């Protein structure tokens, strides 16, 4: 590899690492920063091309920020660019997860950590219950809906039916009941 390519790859890694490390909120929050760095500052690709990069990145499976970094890396430096840009954007999250896992493994027996997690679990359970109540109030608007919701709850909790089966059966029953009801009105 020539020195200019190595310099470009290093710069690309630093840029994507910094974006990955300091952007909170996921892939979409990274897009303006990616555009600012690769279009405005580095001028690696044009403003028109970045629109296409983001459109393609959104249309293919995967995380949009990683997909974008791979496409940009390829446009700038081919296969080495793909590898460097991808590693740059992925490594900050990977390192953070490793550090958290390491800390949790080493302090998981700490009495204060155990108590804190018990509180967190209770809080999260309350939030999930609140979401379920609010969702139920907005979506269950008939006697059939109430019966179906209670039946699905019992099927999952007591009879250990997989949730996907209750969703599928609920959809089919809803189509059957409400579909027939709609046809009778016509």
Protein backbone atom coordinates (compact mmCIF):
# COMPACT_ATOMS: atom_id res chain seq x y z
CA UNK A 1 0.00 0.00 0.00
CA UNK A 2 1.20 3.48 -0.73
CA UNK A 3 1.59 6.10 1.97
CA UNK A 4 -1.33 8.21 0.76
CA UNK A 5 -3.73 5.23 0.95
CA UNK A 6 -2.51 4.36 4.45
CA UNK A 7 -2.97 7.97 5.53
CA UNK A 8 -6.51 8.02 4.05
CA UNK A 9 -7.41 4.72 5.71
CA UNK A 10 -6.12 5.93 9.09
CA UNK A 11 -8.05 9.20 8.72
CA UNK A 12 -11.17 7.24 7.75
CA UNK A 13 -10.81 4.98 10.78
CA UNK A 14 -10.42 7.94 13.15
CA UNK A 15 -13.42 9.76 11.67
CA UNK A 16 -15.74 6.75 11.85
CA UNK A 17 -14.44 5.76 15.29
CA UNK A 18 -15.15 9.26 16.61
CA UNK A 19 -18.63 9.25 15.07
CA UNK A 20 -19.34 5.81 16.54
CA UNK A 21 -18.02 6.79 19.95
CA UNK A 22 -19.73 10.11 20.44
CA UNK A 23 -23.08 9.76 18.71
CA UNK A 24 -25.87 8.82 21.07
CA UNK A 25 -29.16 7.70 19.59
CA UNK A 26 -28.30 5.09 17.01
CA UNK A 27 -27.55 4.96 13.32
CA UNK A 28 -29.83 7.75 12.14
CA UNK A 29 -28.25 10.18 14.59
CA UNK A 30 -24.88 9.46 12.93
CA UNK A 31 -25.96 10.38 9.40
CA UNK A 32 -25.55 14.17 9.68
CA UNK A 33 -22.11 13.70 11.24
CA UNK A 34 -21.09 11.25 8.53
CA UNK A 35 -22.23 13.71 5.88
CA UNK A 36 -20.38 16.60 7.53
CA UNK A 37 -17.15 14.62 7.74
CA UNK A 38 -17.04 12.81 4.39
CA UNK A 39 -18.72 15.46 2.20
CA UNK A 40 -17.96 18.84 3.78
CA UNK A 41 -14.61 18.29 5.50
CA UNK A 42 -12.84 15.47 3.67
CA UNK A 43 -14.64 15.86 0.31
CA UNK A 44 -14.35 12.14 -0.28
CA UNK A 45 -17.78 12.03 -1.94
CA UNK A 46 -20.23 14.61 -3.26
CA UNK A 47 -23.41 15.87 -1.62
CA UNK A 48 -25.42 14.10 -4.34
CA UNK A 49 -23.60 10.82 -3.70
CA UNK A 50 -24.22 10.92 0.05
CA UNK A 51 -27.96 11.01 -0.58
CA UNK A 52 -27.62 7.85 -2.67
CA UNK A 53 -25.39 6.24 -0.02
CA UNK A 54 -27.98 6.88 2.68
CA UNK A 55 -30.85 5.68 0.47
CA UNK A 56 -29.08 2.42 -0.40
CA UNK A 57 -27.94 1.97 3.22
CA UNK A 58 -31.51 2.25 4.41
CA UNK A 59 -32.86 -0.10 1.76
CA UNK A 60 -30.53 -3.02 2.51
CA UNK A 61 -30.58 -5.19 5.66
CA UNK A 62 -28.41 -4.04 8.52
CA UNK A 63 -27.68 -0.96 10.56
CA UNK A 64 -27.76 2.20 8.45
CA UNK A 65 -24.60 3.69 9.96
CA UNK A 66 -22.59 0.52 9.34
CA UNK A 67 -24.02 0.12 5.83
CA UNK A 68 -23.18 3.78 5.09
CA UNK A 69 -19.65 3.45 6.41
CA UNK A 70 -19.08 0.37 4.26
CA UNK A 71 -20.33 2.04 1.08
CA UNK A 72 -18.30 5.18 1.76
CA UNK A 73 -15.24 3.09 2.63
CA UNK A 74 -15.59 1.21 -0.64
CA UNK A 75 -16.00 4.41 -2.69
CA UNK A 76 -12.91 5.95 -1.08
CA UNK A 77 -10.52 3.00 -0.78
CA UNK A 78 -12.07 -0.23 -2.03
CA UNK A 79 -12.00 -3.34 0.15
CA UNK A 80 -9.52 -1.89 2.69
CA UNK A 81 -11.86 1.10 3.01
CA UNK A 82 -14.82 -1.17 3.77
CA UNK A 83 -12.89 -2.91 6.52
CA UNK A 84 -11.43 0.25 8.07
CA UNK A 85 -14.66 2.30 7.98
CA UNK A 86 -16.72 -0.60 9.36
CA UNK A 87 -14.29 -1.25 12.17
CA UNK A 88 -14.20 2.44 12.97
CA UNK A 89 -17.94 2.74 13.41
CA UNK A 90 -18.41 -0.64 15.15
CA UNK A 91 -15.48 -0.70 17.60
CA UNK A 92 -16.71 2.01 20.01
CA UNK A 93 -19.94 0.11 20.73
CA UNK A 94 -18.09 -3.19 20.91
CA UNK A 95 -15.54 -1.80 23.38
CA UNK A 96 -18.29 -0.21 25.49
CA UNK A 97 -20.24 -3.48 25.65
CA UNK A 98 -17.09 -5.39 26.62
CA UNK A 99 -16.32 -2.91 29.40
CA UNK A 100 -19.85 -3.05 30.75
CA UNK A 101 -19.85 -6.85 30.62
CA UNK A 102 -16.47 -6.96 32.38
CA UNK A 103 -17.65 -4.58 35.08
CA UNK A 104 -20.91 -6.43 35.58
CA UNK A 105 -19.16 -9.79 35.85
CA UNK A 106 -16.67 -8.43 38.38
CA UNK A 107 -19.18 -6.52 40.50
CA UNK A 108 -22.26 -8.69 40.11
CA UNK A 109 -21.89 -10.07 43.64
CA UNK A 110 -21.65 -6.60 45.18
CA UNK A 111 -24.62 -6.15 47.52
CA UNK A 112 -25.22 -2.56 46.34
CA UNK A 113 -25.20 -3.57 42.68
CA UNK A 114 -27.66 -6.39 43.41
CA UNK A 115 -29.97 -3.96 45.20
CA UNK A 116 -29.66 -1.41 42.40
CA UNK A 117 -30.55 -4.01 39.77
CA UNK A 118 -33.52 -5.15 41.85
CA UNK A 119 -34.74 -1.56 41.77
CA UNK A 120 -34.06 -1.28 38.04
CA UNK A 121 -35.96 -4.51 37.37
CA UNK A 122 -38.93 -3.28 39.38
CA UNK A 123 -38.90 0.03 37.54
CA UNK A 124 -38.66 -1.63 34.14
CA UNK A 125 -41.47 -4.03 35.04
CA UNK A 126 -43.65 -1.08 36.02
CA UNK A 127 -42.88 0.67 32.72
CA UNK A 128 -43.73 -2.47 30.74
CA UNK A 129 -46.99 -2.85 32.68
CA UNK A 130 -47.82 0.81 32.06
CA UNK A 131 -47.15 0.36 28.34
CA UNK A 132 -49.39 -2.71 28.29
CA UNK A 133 -52.23 -0.83 30.01
CA UNK A 134 -51.94 2.17 27.69
CA UNK A 135 -51.72 -0.04 24.61
CA UNK A 136 -54.72 -2.04 25.82
CA UNK A 137 -56.76 1.12 26.36
CA UNK A 138 -56.01 2.28 22.84
CA UNK A 139 -56.49 -1.02 21.03
CA UNK A 140 -58.96 -3.22 22.90
CA UNK A 141 -62.31 -1.64 22.06
CA UNK A 142 -64.75 -4.55 22.00
CA UNK A 143 -65.88 -7.50 24.08
CA UNK A 144 -64.19 -9.76 21.55
CA UNK A 145 -60.92 -7.85 22.03
CA UNK A 146 -61.11 -8.20 25.81
CA UNK A 147 -61.81 -11.95 25.54
CA UNK A 148 -59.01 -12.40 23.00
CA UNK A 149 -56.49 -10.45 25.13
CA UNK A 150 -57.35 -12.43 28.29
CA UNK A 151 -57.24 -15.71 26.36
CA UNK A 152 -53.85 -14.86 24.83
CA UNK A 153 -52.49 -13.89 28.26
CA UNK A 154 -53.69 -17.19 29.77
CA UNK A 155 -52.33 -19.19 26.82
CA UNK A 156 -48.88 -17.65 27.16
CA UNK A 157 -48.62 -17.55 30.97
CA UNK A 158 -50.39 -20.76 32.01
CA UNK A 159 -50.11 -23.04 28.99
CA UNK A 160 -46.70 -21.79 27.81
CA UNK A 161 -47.92 -21.16 24.25
CA UNK A 162 -45.31 -19.24 22.27
CA UNK A 163 -46.25 -15.58 21.86
CA UNK A 164 -45.89 -15.76 18.07
CA UNK A 165 -48.70 -18.35 17.94
CA UNK A 166 -51.01 -16.11 19.98
CA UNK A 167 -50.26 -13.19 17.68
CA UNK A 168 -50.90 -15.28 14.57
CA UNK A 169 -54.10 -16.80 15.98
CA UNK A 170 -55.27 -13.39 17.24
CA UNK A 171 -54.78 -11.94 13.77
CA UNK A 172 -56.67 -14.78 12.14
CA UNK A 173 -59.53 -14.58 14.66
CA UNK A 174 -59.68 -10.80 14.29
CA UNK A 175 -59.85 -11.15 10.53
CA UNK A 176 -62.55 -13.79 10.84
CA UNK A 177 -64.68 -11.96 13.42
CA UNK A 178 -64.27 -8.40 12.20
CA UNK A 179 -64.14 -9.46 8.56
CA UNK A 180 -67.50 -11.21 8.92
CA UNK A 181 -68.89 -8.24 10.82
CA UNK A 182 -67.81 -5.91 7.99
CA UNK A 183 -69.38 -8.14 5.36
CA UNK A 184 -72.71 -8.26 7.24
CA UNK A 185 -72.84 -4.45 7.29
CA UNK A 186 -72.47 -4.31 3.50
